[in-house]
Amino acid sequence: MGYTKGPWAVDFEQGWTIGIRDGIRVASISDRNSNDTKTNQANADLIAAAPEMLEALELCLKRLPISQGSECSEVYIKTLEAITKARGESLAMIIRTKLVESIKQGAVT
């Protein structure tokens, strides 16, 4: 993957900067259009949690069954959509890859 590995943390003293150790800046929140400190903090915290959330979603995806009509189908698709958005990948290609893997493993007939 091409993103800066976590964990990321928020440095509120540096103007809502999200970064990692050794001073590497991943992102920063601009508060020019908002005086809402709580919203800026929430946005920064959400961005800082991104690597851990992506890792958790990838783990969930490995555990969710791909079966037509399954109650997990909607969860599987939403999880897959979030992962592909985070990775900047094509959803269609990911679905095709996962389906081919499942067919090879006999999980989908």
PDB file of N, CA and C in Angstrom:
ATOM      1  N   MET A   1       0.832  -1.185   0.000  1.00  0.00           N
ATOM      2  CA  MET A   1       0.000   0.000   0.000  1.00  0.00           C
ATOM      3  C   MET A   1       0.870   1.239   0.000  1.00  0.00           C
ATOM      4  N   GLY A   2       0.346   2.300  -0.532  1.00  0.00           N
ATOM      5  CA  GLY A   2       1.136   3.494  -0.691  1.00  0.00           C
ATOM      6  C   GLY A   2       0.934   4.573   0.355  1.00  0.00           C
ATOM      7  N   TYR A   3       0.278   4.294   1.435  1.00  0.00           N
ATOM      8  CA  TYR A   3       0.074   5.340   2.438  1.00  0.00           C
ATOM      9  C   TYR A   3       1.125   5.244   3.540  1.00  0.00           C
ATOM     10  N   THR A   4       1.257   6.332   4.313  1.00  0.00           N
ATOM     11  CA  THR A   4       2.192   6.361   5.427  1.00  0.00           C
ATOM     12  C   THR A   4       1.653   5.476   6.542  1.00  0.00           C
ATOM     13  N   LYS A   5       2.423   4.494   6.939  1.00  0.00           N
ATOM     14  CA  LYS A   5       1.979   3.559   7.973  1.00  0.00           C
ATOM     15  C   LYS A   5       1.739   4.283   9.294  1.00  0.00           C
ATOM     16  N   GLY A   6       0.771   3.779  10.039  1.00  0.00           N
ATOM     17  CA  GLY A   6       0.442   4.340  11.349  1.00  0.00           C
ATOM     18  C   GLY A   6       1.337   3.774  12.417  1.00  0.00           C
ATOM     19  N   PRO A   7       1.073   4.044  13.645  1.00  0.00           N
ATOM     20  CA  PRO A   7      -0.083   4.836  14.066  1.00  0.00           C
ATOM     21  C   PRO A   7       0.130   6.323  13.809  1.00  0.00           C
ATOM     22  N   TRP A   8      -0.981   7.005  13.547  1.00  0.00           N
ATOM     23  CA  TRP A   8      -0.958   8.448  13.382  1.00  0.00           C
ATOM     24  C   TRP A   8      -1.483   9.077  14.655  1.00  0.00           C
ATOM     25  N   ALA A   9      -1.059  10.283  14.934  1.00  0.00           N
ATOM     26  CA  ALA A   9      -1.530  11.007  16.115  1.00  0.00           C
ATOM     27  C   ALA A   9      -1.814  12.452  15.714  1.00  0.00           C
ATOM     28  N   VAL A  10      -2.631  13.128  16.502  1.00  0.00           N
ATOM     29  CA  VAL A  10      -2.982  14.521  16.245  1.00  0.00           C
ATOM     30  C   VAL A  10      -2.110  15.408  17.120  1.00  0.00           C
ATOM     31  N   ASP A  11      -1.521  16.409  16.498  1.00  0.00           N
ATOM     32  CA  ASP A  11      -0.733  17.404  17.222  1.00  0.00           C
ATOM     33  C   ASP A  11      -1.523  18.707  17.197  1.00  0.00           C
ATOM     34  N   PHE A  12      -2.244  18.963  18.278  1.00  0.00           N
ATOM     35  CA  PHE A  12      -3.106  20.143  18.330  1.00  0.00           C
ATOM     36  C   PHE A  12      -2.314  21.432  18.431  1.00  0.00           C
ATOM     37  N   GLU A  13      -1.083  21.350  18.889  1.00  0.00           N
ATOM     38  CA  GLU A  13      -0.239  22.546  19.010  1.00  0.00           C
ATOM     39  C   GLU A  13       0.263  23.010  17.644  1.00  0.00           C
ATOM     40  N   GLN A  14       0.260  22.129  16.671  1.00  0.00           N
ATOM     41  CA  GLN A  14       0.716  22.457  15.318  1.00  0.00           C
ATOM     42  C   GLN A  14      -0.456  22.762  14.384  1.00  0.00           C
ATOM     43  N   GLY A  15      -1.565  23.229  14.923  1.00  0.00           N
ATOM     44  CA  GLY A  15      -2.706  23.610  14.088  1.00  0.00           C
ATOM     45  C   GLY A  15      -3.435  22.441  13.480  1.00  0.00           C
ATOM     46  N   TRP A  16      -3.807  21.479  14.307  1.00  0.00           N
ATOM     47  CA  TRP A  16      -4.581  20.316  13.869  1.00  0.00           C
ATOM     48  C   TRP A  16      -3.810  19.475  12.848  1.00  0.00           C
ATOM     49  N   THR A  17      -2.559  19.222  13.116  1.00  0.00           N
ATOM     50  CA  THR A  17      -1.721  18.422  12.241  1.00  0.00           C
ATOM     51  C   THR A  17      -1.825  16.952  12.616  1.00  0.00           C
ATOM     52  N   ILE A  18      -2.012  16.113  11.598  1.00  0.00           N
ATOM     53  CA  ILE A  18      -2.051  14.669  11.823  1.00  0.00           C
ATOM     54  C   ILE A  18      -0.731  14.121  11.302  1.00  0.00           C
ATOM     55  N   GLY A  19      -0.030  13.398  12.153  1.00  0.00           N
ATOM     56  CA  GLY A  19       1.269  12.900  11.738  1.00  0.00           C
ATOM     57  C   GLY A  19       1.668  11.661  12.502  1.00  0.00           C
ATOM     58  N   ILE A  20       2.872  11.238  12.263  1.00  0.00           N
ATOM     59  CA  ILE A  20       3.429  10.085  12.946  1.00  0.00           C
ATOM     60  C   ILE A  20       4.743  10.493  13.580  1.00  0.00           C
ATOM     61  N   ARG A  21       5.397   9.532  14.193  1.00  0.00           N
ATOM     62  CA  ARG A  21       6.680   9.809  14.832  1.00  0.00           C
ATOM     63  C   ARG A  21       7.657  10.436  13.857  1.00  0.00           C
ATOM     64  N   ASP A  22       8.664  11.060  14.379  1.00  0.00           N
ATOM     65  CA  ASP A  22       9.730  11.699  13.599  1.00  0.00           C
ATOM     66  C   ASP A  22       9.233  12.901  12.803  1.00  0.00           C
ATOM     67  N   GLY A  23       8.105  13.462  13.206  1.00  0.00           N
ATOM     68  CA  GLY A  23       7.625  14.697  12.614  1.00  0.00           C
ATOM     69  C   GLY A  23       7.073  14.619  11.210  1.00  0.00           C
ATOM     70  N   ILE A  24       6.775  13.432  10.715  1.00  0.00           N
ATOM     71  CA  ILE A  24       6.208  13.302   9.373  1.00  0.00           C
ATOM     72  C   ILE A  24       4.750  13.728   9.411  1.00  0.00           C
ATOM     73  N   ARG A  25       4.397  14.717   8.611  1.00  0.00           N
ATOM     74  CA  ARG A  25       3.017  15.216   8.553  1.00  0.00           C
ATOM     75  C   ARG A  25       2.238  14.443   7.500  1.00  0.00           C
ATOM     76  N   VAL A  26       1.116  13.892   7.914  1.00  0.00           N
ATOM     77  CA  VAL A  26       0.243  13.158   7.004  1.00  0.00           C
ATOM     78  C   VAL A  26      -0.828  14.088   6.456  1.00  0.00           C
ATOM     79  N   ALA A  27      -1.403  14.916   7.320  1.00  0.00           N
ATOM     80  CA  ALA A  27      -2.476  15.824   6.916  1.00  0.00           C
ATOM     81  C   ALA A  27      -2.606  16.928   7.950  1.00  0.00           C
ATOM     82  N   SER A  28      -3.360  17.934   7.594  1.00  0.00           N
ATOM     83  CA  SER A  28      -3.691  18.965   8.575  1.00  0.00           C
ATOM     84  C   SER A  28      -5.102  19.461   8.294  1.00  0.00           C
ATOM     85  N   ILE A  29      -5.763  19.880   9.346  1.00  0.00           N
ATOM     86  CA  ILE A  29      -7.129  20.376   9.252  1.00  0.00           C
ATOM     87  C   ILE A  29      -7.076  21.898   9.177  1.00  0.00           C
ATOM     88  N   SER A  30      -7.706  22.444   8.159  1.00  0.00           N
ATOM     89  CA  SER A  30      -7.775  23.892   8.040  1.00  0.00           C
ATOM     90  C   SER A  30      -8.986  24.386   8.814  1.00  0.00           C
ATOM     91  N   ASP A  31      -8.747  25.325   9.703  1.00  0.00           N
ATOM     92  CA  ASP A  31      -9.866  25.864  10.481  1.00  0.00           C
ATOM     93  C   ASP A  31     -10.219  27.269  10.036  1.00  0.00           C
ATOM     94  N   ARG A  32      -9.816  27.659   8.834  1.00  0.00           N
ATOM     95  CA  ARG A  32     -10.116  29.001   8.326  1.00  0.00           C
ATOM     96  C   ARG A  32     -11.615  29.250   8.203  1.00  0.00           C
ATOM     97  N   ASN A  33     -12.349  28.210   7.850  1.00  0.00           N
ATOM     98  CA  ASN A  33     -13.786  28.363   7.632  1.00  0.00           C
ATOM     99  C   ASN A  33     -14.615  27.923   8.830  1.00  0.00           C
ATOM    100  N   SER A  34     -13.941  27.562   9.909  1.00  0.00           N
ATOM    101  CA  SER A  34     -14.686  27.069  11.054  1.00  0.00           C
ATOM    102  C   SER A  34     -14.010  27.493  12.351  1.00  0.00           C
ATOM    103  N   ASN A  35     -14.788  28.031  13.225  1.00  0.00           N
ATOM    104  CA  ASN A  35     -14.301  28.341  14.566  1.00  0.00           C
ATOM    105  C   ASN A  35     -14.747  27.263  15.540  1.00  0.00           C
ATOM    106  N   ASP A  36     -15.245  26.184  14.992  1.00  0.00           N
ATOM    107  CA  ASP A  36     -15.779  25.106  15.803  1.00  0.00           C
ATOM    108  C   ASP A  36     -14.656  24.145  16.187  1.00  0.00           C
ATOM    109  N   THR A  37     -14.066  24.364  17.335  1.00  0.00           N
ATOM    110  CA  THR A  37     -12.940  23.557  17.798  1.00  0.00           C
ATOM    111  C   THR A  37     -13.313  22.097  17.935  1.00  0.00           C
ATOM    112  N   LYS A  38     -14.507  21.789  18.425  1.00  0.00           N
ATOM    113  CA  LYS A  38     -14.922  20.396  18.594  1.00  0.00           C
ATOM    114  C   LYS A  38     -14.989  19.666  17.254  1.00  0.00           C
ATOM    115  N   THR A  39     -15.503  20.331  16.228  1.00  0.00           N
ATOM    116  CA  THR A  39     -15.578  19.719  14.904  1.00  0.00           C
ATOM    117  C   THR A  39     -14.186  19.491  14.337  1.00  0.00           C
ATOM    118  N   ASN A  40     -13.309  20.479  14.469  1.00  0.00           N
ATOM    119  CA  ASN A  40     -11.931  20.318  13.994  1.00  0.00           C
ATOM    120  C   ASN A  40     -11.233  19.166  14.712  1.00  0.00           C
ATOM    121  N   GLN A  41     -11.437  19.063  15.994  1.00  0.00           N
ATOM    122  CA  GLN A  41     -10.823  17.987  16.759  1.00  0.00           C
ATOM    123  C   GLN A  41     -11.374  16.633  16.313  1.00  0.00           C
ATOM    124  N   ALA A  42     -12.694  16.558  16.132  1.00  0.00           N
ATOM    125  CA  ALA A  42     -13.309  15.303  15.688  1.00  0.00           C
ATOM    126  C   ALA A  42     -12.803  14.895  14.307  1.00  0.00           C
ATOM    127  N   ASN A  43     -12.674  15.854  13.390  1.00  0.00           N
ATOM    128  CA  ASN A  43     -12.151  15.560  12.053  1.00  0.00           C
ATOM    129  C   ASN A  43     -10.712  15.059  12.126  1.00  0.00           C
ATOM    130  N   ALA A  44      -9.897  15.709  12.927  1.00  0.00           N
ATOM    131  CA  ALA A  44      -8.494  15.308  13.078  1.00  0.00           C
ATOM    132  C   ALA A  44      -8.391  13.910  13.696  1.00  0.00           C
ATOM    133  N   ASP A  45      -9.203  13.637  14.707  1.00  0.00           N
ATOM    134  CA  ASP A  45      -9.191  12.316  15.350  1.00  0.00           C
ATOM    135  C   ASP A  45      -9.613  11.220  14.371  1.00  0.00           C
ATOM    136  N   LEU A  46     -10.612  11.510  13.550  1.00  0.00           N
ATOM    137  CA  LEU A  46     -11.083  10.534  12.564  1.00  0.00           C
ATOM    138  C   LEU A  46      -9.985  10.216  11.541  1.00  0.00           C
ATOM    139  N   ILE A  47      -9.324  11.245  11.052  1.00  0.00           N
ATOM    140  CA  ILE A  47      -8.238  11.031  10.097  1.00  0.00           C
ATOM    141  C   ILE A  47      -7.103  10.249  10.749  1.00  0.00           C
ATOM    142  N   ALA A  48      -6.759  10.595  11.977  1.00  0.00           N
ATOM    143  CA  ALA A  48      -5.660   9.913  12.681  1.00  0.00           C
ATOM    144  C   ALA A  48      -5.963   8.434  12.911  1.00  0.00           C
ATOM    145  N   ALA A  49      -7.233   8.082  13.010  1.00  0.00           N
ATOM    146  CA  ALA A  49      -7.626   6.687  13.242  1.00  0.00           C
ATOM    147  C   ALA A  49      -7.659   5.857  11.954  1.00  0.00           C
ATOM    148  N   ALA A  50      -7.484   6.491  10.814  1.00  0.00           N
ATOM    149  CA  ALA A  50      -7.635   5.809   9.524  1.00  0.00           C
ATOM    150  C   ALA A  50      -6.798   4.535   9.363  1.00  0.00           C
ATOM    151  N   PRO A  51      -5.511   4.528   9.706  1.00  0.00           N
ATOM    152  CA  PRO A  51      -4.754   3.276   9.508  1.00  0.00           C
ATOM    153  C   PRO A  51      -5.308   2.109  10.323  1.00  0.00           C
ATOM    154  N   GLU A  52      -5.705   2.368  11.566  1.00  0.00           N
ATOM    155  CA  GLU A  52      -6.265   1.307  12.403  1.00  0.00           C
ATOM    156  C   GLU A  52      -7.628   0.851  11.891  1.00  0.00           C
ATOM    157  N   MET A  53      -8.429   1.804  11.396  1.00  0.00           N
ATOM    158  CA  MET A  53      -9.739   1.424  10.853  1.00  0.00           C
ATOM    159  C   MET A  53      -9.590   0.591   9.588  1.00  0.00           C
ATOM    160  N   LEU A  54      -8.645   0.957   8.729  1.00  0.00           N
ATOM    161  CA  LEU A  54      -8.408   0.176   7.519  1.00  0.00           C
ATOM    162  C   LEU A  54      -7.961  -1.232   7.881  1.00  0.00           C
ATOM    163  N   GLU A  55      -7.071  -1.354   8.828  1.00  0.00           N
ATOM    164  CA  GLU A  55      -6.607  -2.668   9.265  1.00  0.00           C
ATOM    165  C   GLU A  55      -7.759  -3.511   9.818  1.00  0.00           C
ATOM    166  N   ALA A  56      -8.636  -2.887  10.603  1.00  0.00           N
ATOM    167  CA  ALA A  56      -9.786  -3.604  11.162  1.00  0.00           C
ATOM    168  C   ALA A  56     -10.756  -4.040  10.066  1.00  0.00           C
ATOM    169  N   LEU A  57     -10.992  -3.180   9.089  1.00  0.00           N
ATOM    170  CA  LEU A  57     -11.885  -3.537   7.984  1.00  0.00           C
ATOM    171  C   LEU A  57     -11.315  -4.677   7.151  1.00  0.00           C
ATOM    172  N   GLU A  58     -10.009  -4.655   6.924  1.00  0.00           N
ATOM    173  CA  GLU A  58      -9.389  -5.739   6.170  1.00  0.00           C
ATOM    174  C   GLU A  58      -9.521  -7.071   6.911  1.00  0.00           C
ATOM    175  N   LEU A  59      -9.390  -7.035   8.224  1.00  0.00           N
ATOM    176  CA  LEU A  59      -9.570  -8.246   9.028  1.00  0.00           C
ATOM    177  C   LEU A  59     -11.021  -8.736   8.948  1.00  0.00           C
ATOM    178  N   CYS A  60     -11.965  -7.808   9.054  1.00  0.00           N
ATOM    179  CA  CYS A  60     -13.386  -8.169   8.945  1.00  0.00           C
ATOM    180  C   CYS A  60     -13.687  -8.802   7.592  1.00  0.00           C
ATOM    181  N   LEU A  61     -13.114  -8.238   6.538  1.00  0.00           N
ATOM    182  CA  LEU A  61     -13.373  -8.740   5.195  1.00  0.00           C
ATOM    183  C   LEU A  61     -12.912 -10.185   5.046  1.00  0.00           C
ATOM    184  N   LYS A  62     -11.816 -10.528   5.695  1.00  0.00           N
ATOM    185  CA  LYS A  62     -11.316 -11.903   5.633  1.00  0.00           C
ATOM    186  C   LYS A  62     -12.262 -12.878   6.330  1.00  0.00           C
ATOM    187  N   ARG A  63     -13.012 -12.389   7.317  1.00  0.00           N
ATOM    188  CA  ARG A  63     -13.861 -13.251   8.130  1.00  0.00           C
ATOM    189  C   ARG A  63     -15.305 -13.334   7.638  1.00  0.00           C
ATOM    190  N   LEU A  64     -15.729 -12.359   6.822  1.00  0.00           N
ATOM    191  CA  LEU A  64     -17.116 -12.331   6.362  1.00  0.00           C
ATOM    192  C   LEU A  64     -17.312 -13.298   5.197  1.00  0.00           C
ATOM    193  N   PRO A  65     -18.396 -14.063   5.231  1.00  0.00           N
ATOM    194  CA  PRO A  65     -18.664 -14.983   4.122  1.00  0.00           C
ATOM    195  C   PRO A  65     -19.195 -14.237   2.900  1.00  0.00           C
ATOM    196  N   ILE A  66     -18.876 -14.736   1.721  1.00  0.00           N
ATOM    197  CA  ILE A  66     -19.462 -14.197   0.489  1.00  0.00           C
ATOM    198  C   ILE A  66     -20.476 -15.224   0.020  1.00  0.00           C
ATOM    199  N   SER A  67     -21.712 -15.045   0.381  1.00  0.00           N
ATOM    200  CA  SER A  67     -22.730 -15.973  -0.093  1.00  0.00           C
ATOM    201  C   SER A  67     -23.980 -15.192  -0.456  1.00  0.00           C
ATOM    202  N   GLN A  68     -24.532 -15.537  -1.580  1.00  0.00           N
ATOM    203  CA  GLN A  68     -25.697 -14.837  -2.076  1.00  0.00           C
ATOM    204  C   GLN A  68     -26.847 -14.968  -1.086  1.00  0.00           C
ATOM    205  N   GLY A  69     -27.478 -13.843  -0.784  1.00  0.00           N
ATOM    206  CA  GLY A  69     -28.612 -13.858   0.121  1.00  0.00           C
ATOM    207  C   GLY A  69     -28.222 -13.868   1.590  1.00  0.00           C
ATOM    208  N   SER A  70     -26.948 -13.867   1.870  1.00  0.00           N
ATOM    209  CA  SER A  70     -26.497 -13.873   3.256  1.00  0.00           C
ATOM    210  C   SER A  70     -26.811 -12.538   3.913  1.00  0.00           C
ATOM    211  N   GLU A  71     -27.101 -12.595   5.225  1.00  0.00           N
ATOM    212  CA  GLU A  71     -27.316 -11.360   5.965  1.00  0.00           C
ATOM    213  C   GLU A  71     -26.034 -10.539   6.005  1.00  0.00           C
ATOM    214  N   CYS A  72     -24.902 -11.183   5.806  1.00  0.00           N
ATOM    215  CA  CYS A  72     -23.614 -10.497   5.814  1.00  0.00           C
ATOM    216  C   CYS A  72     -23.315  -9.813   4.485  1.00  0.00           C
ATOM    217  N   SER A  73     -24.088 -10.067   3.449  1.00  0.00           N
ATOM    218  CA  SER A  73     -23.800  -9.521   2.122  1.00  0.00           C
ATOM    219  C   SER A  73     -23.687  -8.009   2.122  1.00  0.00           C
ATOM    220  N   GLU A  74     -24.632  -7.325   2.749  1.00  0.00           N
ATOM    221  CA  GLU A  74     -24.599  -5.858   2.783  1.00  0.00           C
ATOM    222  C   GLU A  74     -23.383  -5.366   3.561  1.00  0.00           C
ATOM    223  N   VAL A  75     -23.087  -6.023   4.674  1.00  0.00           N
ATOM    224  CA  VAL A  75     -21.916  -5.652   5.468  1.00  0.00           C
ATOM    225  C   VAL A  75     -20.649  -5.885   4.656  1.00  0.00           C
ATOM    226  N   TYR A  76     -20.587  -7.009   3.959  1.00  0.00           N
ATOM    227  CA  TYR A  76     -19.420  -7.334   3.135  1.00  0.00           C
ATOM    228  C   TYR A  76     -19.197  -6.257   2.076  1.00  0.00           C
ATOM    229  N   ILE A  77     -20.256  -5.884   1.381  1.00  0.00           N
ATOM    230  CA  ILE A  77     -20.146  -4.893   0.309  1.00  0.00           C
ATOM    231  C   ILE A  77     -19.727  -3.534   0.862  1.00  0.00           C
ATOM    232  N   LYS A  78     -20.332  -3.108   1.956  1.00  0.00           N
ATOM    233  CA  LYS A  78     -19.961  -1.818   2.552  1.00  0.00           C
ATOM    234  C   LYS A  78     -18.513  -1.821   3.036  1.00  0.00           C
ATOM    235  N   THR A  79     -18.090  -2.944   3.605  1.00  0.00           N
ATOM    236  CA  THR A  79     -16.707  -3.070   4.052  1.00  0.00           C
ATOM    237  C   THR A  79     -15.760  -2.992   2.863  1.00  0.00           C
ATOM    238  N   LEU A  80     -16.097  -3.703   1.809  1.00  0.00           N
ATOM    239  CA  LEU A  80     -15.284  -3.701   0.593  1.00  0.00           C
ATOM    240  C   LEU A  80     -15.234  -2.305  -0.033  1.00  0.00           C
ATOM    241  N   GLU A  81     -16.358  -1.607  -0.051  1.00  0.00           N
ATOM    242  CA  GLU A  81     -16.391  -0.243  -0.595  1.00  0.00           C
ATOM    243  C   GLU A  81     -15.481   0.692   0.203  1.00  0.00           C
ATOM    244  N   ALA A  82     -15.521   0.586   1.518  1.00  0.00           N
ATOM    245  CA  ALA A  82     -14.696   1.449   2.358  1.00  0.00           C
ATOM    246  C   ALA A  82     -13.202   1.168   2.159  1.00  0.00           C
ATOM    247  N   ILE A  83     -12.863  -0.105   2.057  1.00  0.00           N
ATOM    248  CA  ILE A  83     -11.457  -0.476   1.849  1.00  0.00           C
ATOM    249  C   ILE A  83     -10.962   0.036   0.503  1.00  0.00           C
ATOM    250  N   THR A  84     -11.747  -0.167  -0.537  1.00  0.00           N
ATOM    251  CA  THR A  84     -11.298   0.271  -1.862  1.00  0.00           C
ATOM    252  C   THR A  84     -11.188   1.796  -1.928  1.00  0.00           C
ATOM    253  N   LYS A  85     -12.088   2.501  -1.262  1.00  0.00           N
ATOM    254  CA  LYS A  85     -12.002   3.968  -1.221  1.00  0.00           C
ATOM    255  C   LYS A  85     -10.727   4.396  -0.502  1.00  0.00           C
ATOM    256  N   ALA A  86     -10.429   3.755   0.617  1.00  0.00           N
ATOM    257  CA  ALA A  86      -9.230   4.098   1.381  1.00  0.00           C
ATOM    258  C   ALA A  86      -7.957   3.809   0.591  1.00  0.00           C
ATOM    259  N   ARG A  87      -7.975   2.755  -0.197  1.00  0.00           N
ATOM    260  CA  ARG A  87      -6.794   2.377  -0.984  1.00  0.00           C
ATOM    261  C   ARG A  87      -6.708   3.100  -2.324  1.00  0.00           C
ATOM    262  N   GLY A  88      -7.803   3.760  -2.728  1.00  0.00           N
ATOM    263  CA  GLY A  88      -7.827   4.404  -4.036  1.00  0.00           C
ATOM    264  C   GLY A  88      -7.863   3.393  -5.166  1.00  0.00           C
ATOM    265  N   GLU A  89      -8.511   2.260  -4.923  1.00  0.00           N
ATOM    266  CA  GLU A  89      -8.565   1.180  -5.899  1.00  0.00           C
ATOM    267  C   GLU A  89      -9.936   1.096  -6.546  1.00  0.00           C
ATOM    268  N   SER A  90     -10.013   0.289  -7.600  1.00  0.00           N
ATOM    269  CA  SER A  90     -11.257   0.059  -8.313  1.00  0.00           C
ATOM    270  C   SER A  90     -12.079  -1.006  -7.600  1.00  0.00           C
ATOM    271  N   LEU A  91     -13.292  -0.681  -7.241  1.00  0.00           N
ATOM    272  CA  LEU A  91     -14.172  -1.629  -6.570  1.00  0.00           C
ATOM    273  C   LEU A  91     -14.448  -2.842  -7.455  1.00  0.00           C
ATOM    274  N   ALA A  92     -14.650  -2.620  -8.726  1.00  0.00           N
ATOM    275  CA  ALA A  92     -14.943  -3.736  -9.635  1.00  0.00           C
ATOM    276  C   ALA A  92     -13.795  -4.737  -9.673  1.00  0.00           C
ATOM    277  N   MET A  93     -12.559  -4.248  -9.700  1.00  0.00           N
ATOM    278  CA  MET A  93     -11.406  -5.152  -9.741  1.00  0.00           C
ATOM    279  C   MET A  93     -11.272  -5.928  -8.431  1.00  0.00           C
ATOM    280  N   ILE A  94     -11.525  -5.276  -7.315  1.00  0.00           N
ATOM    281  CA  ILE A  94     -11.434  -5.942  -6.015  1.00  0.00           C
ATOM    282  C   ILE A  94     -12.503  -7.026  -5.907  1.00  0.00           C
ATOM    283  N   ILE A  95     -13.728  -6.708  -6.321  1.00  0.00           N
ATOM    284  CA  ILE A  95     -14.812  -7.691  -6.260  1.00  0.00           C
ATOM    285  C   ILE A  95     -14.468  -8.899  -7.133  1.00  0.00           C
ATOM    286  N   ARG A  96     -13.973  -8.646  -8.323  1.00  0.00           N
ATOM    287  CA  ARG A  96     -13.601  -9.740  -9.216  1.00  0.00           C
ATOM    288  C   ARG A  96     -12.522 -10.612  -8.574  1.00  0.00           C
ATOM    289  N   THR A  97     -11.499  -9.992  -8.018  1.00  0.00           N
ATOM    290  CA  THR A  97     -10.412 -10.734  -7.372  1.00  0.00           C
ATOM    291  C   THR A  97     -10.928 -11.571  -6.218  1.00  0.00           C
ATOM    292  N   LYS A  98     -11.764 -10.980  -5.363  1.00  0.00           N
ATOM    293  CA  LYS A  98     -12.311 -11.699  -4.207  1.00  0.00           C
ATOM    294  C   LYS A  98     -13.201 -12.852  -4.659  1.00  0.00           C
ATOM    295  N   LEU A  99     -14.000 -12.629  -5.686  1.00  0.00           N
ATOM    296  CA  LEU A  99     -14.884 -13.680  -6.184  1.00  0.00           C
ATOM    297  C   LEU A  99     -14.080 -14.847  -6.756  1.00  0.00           C
ATOM    298  N   VAL A 100     -13.047 -14.528  -7.528  1.00  0.00           N
ATOM    299  CA  VAL A 100     -12.194 -15.584  -8.090  1.00  0.00           C
ATOM    300  C   VAL A 100     -11.516 -16.370  -6.965  1.00  0.00           C
ATOM    301  N   GLU A 101     -11.009 -15.675  -5.947  1.00  0.00           N
ATOM    302  CA  GLU A 101     -10.388 -16.353  -4.802  1.00  0.00           C
ATOM    303  C   GLU A 101     -11.379 -17.290  -4.113  1.00  0.00           C
ATOM    304  N   SER A 102     -12.604 -16.811  -3.919  1.00  0.00           N
ATOM    305  CA  SER A 102     -13.633 -17.610  -3.249  1.00  0.00           C
ATOM    306  C   SER A 102     -14.019 -18.833  -4.055  1.00  0.00           C
ATOM    307  N   ILE A 103     -14.115 -18.667  -5.363  1.00  0.00           N
ATOM    308  CA  ILE A 103     -14.453 -19.799  -6.232  1.00  0.00           C
ATOM    309  C   ILE A 103     -13.347 -20.851  -6.175  1.00  0.00           C
ATOM    310  N   LYS A 104     -12.106 -20.413  -6.209  1.00  0.00           N
ATOM    311  CA  LYS A 104     -10.971 -21.331  -6.126  1.00  0.00           C
ATOM    312  C   LYS A 104     -10.955 -22.098  -4.803  1.00  0.00           C
ATOM    313  N   GLN A 105     -11.414 -21.434  -3.746  1.00  0.00           N
ATOM    314  CA  GLN A 105     -11.437 -22.070  -2.427  1.00  0.00           C
ATOM    315  C   GLN A 105     -12.719 -22.880  -2.207  1.00  0.00           C
ATOM    316  N   GLY A 106     -13.628 -22.836  -3.165  1.00  0.00           N
ATOM    317  CA  GLY A 106     -14.876 -23.576  -3.045  1.00  0.00           C
ATOM    318  C   GLY A 106     -15.906 -22.911  -2.139  1.00  0.00           C
ATOM    319  N   ALA A 107     -15.679 -21.624  -1.808  1.00  0.00           N
ATOM    320  CA  ALA A 107     -16.597 -20.921  -0.912  1.00  0.00           C
ATOM    321  C   ALA A 107     -17.848 -20.440  -1.639  1.00  0.00           C
ATOM    322  N   VAL A 108     -17.751 -20.252  -2.937  1.00  0.00           N
ATOM    323  CA  VAL A 108     -18.893 -19.798  -3.743  1.00  0.00           C
ATOM    324  C   VAL A 108     -19.094 -20.800  -4.858  1.00  0.00           C
ATOM    325  N   THR A 109     -20.344 -21.168  -5.050  1.00  0.00           N
ATOM    326  CA  THR A 109     -20.650 -22.126  -6.124  1.00  0.00           C
ATOM    327  C   THR A 109     -21.559 -21.506  -7.138  1.00  0.00           C
TER     328      THR A 109
END
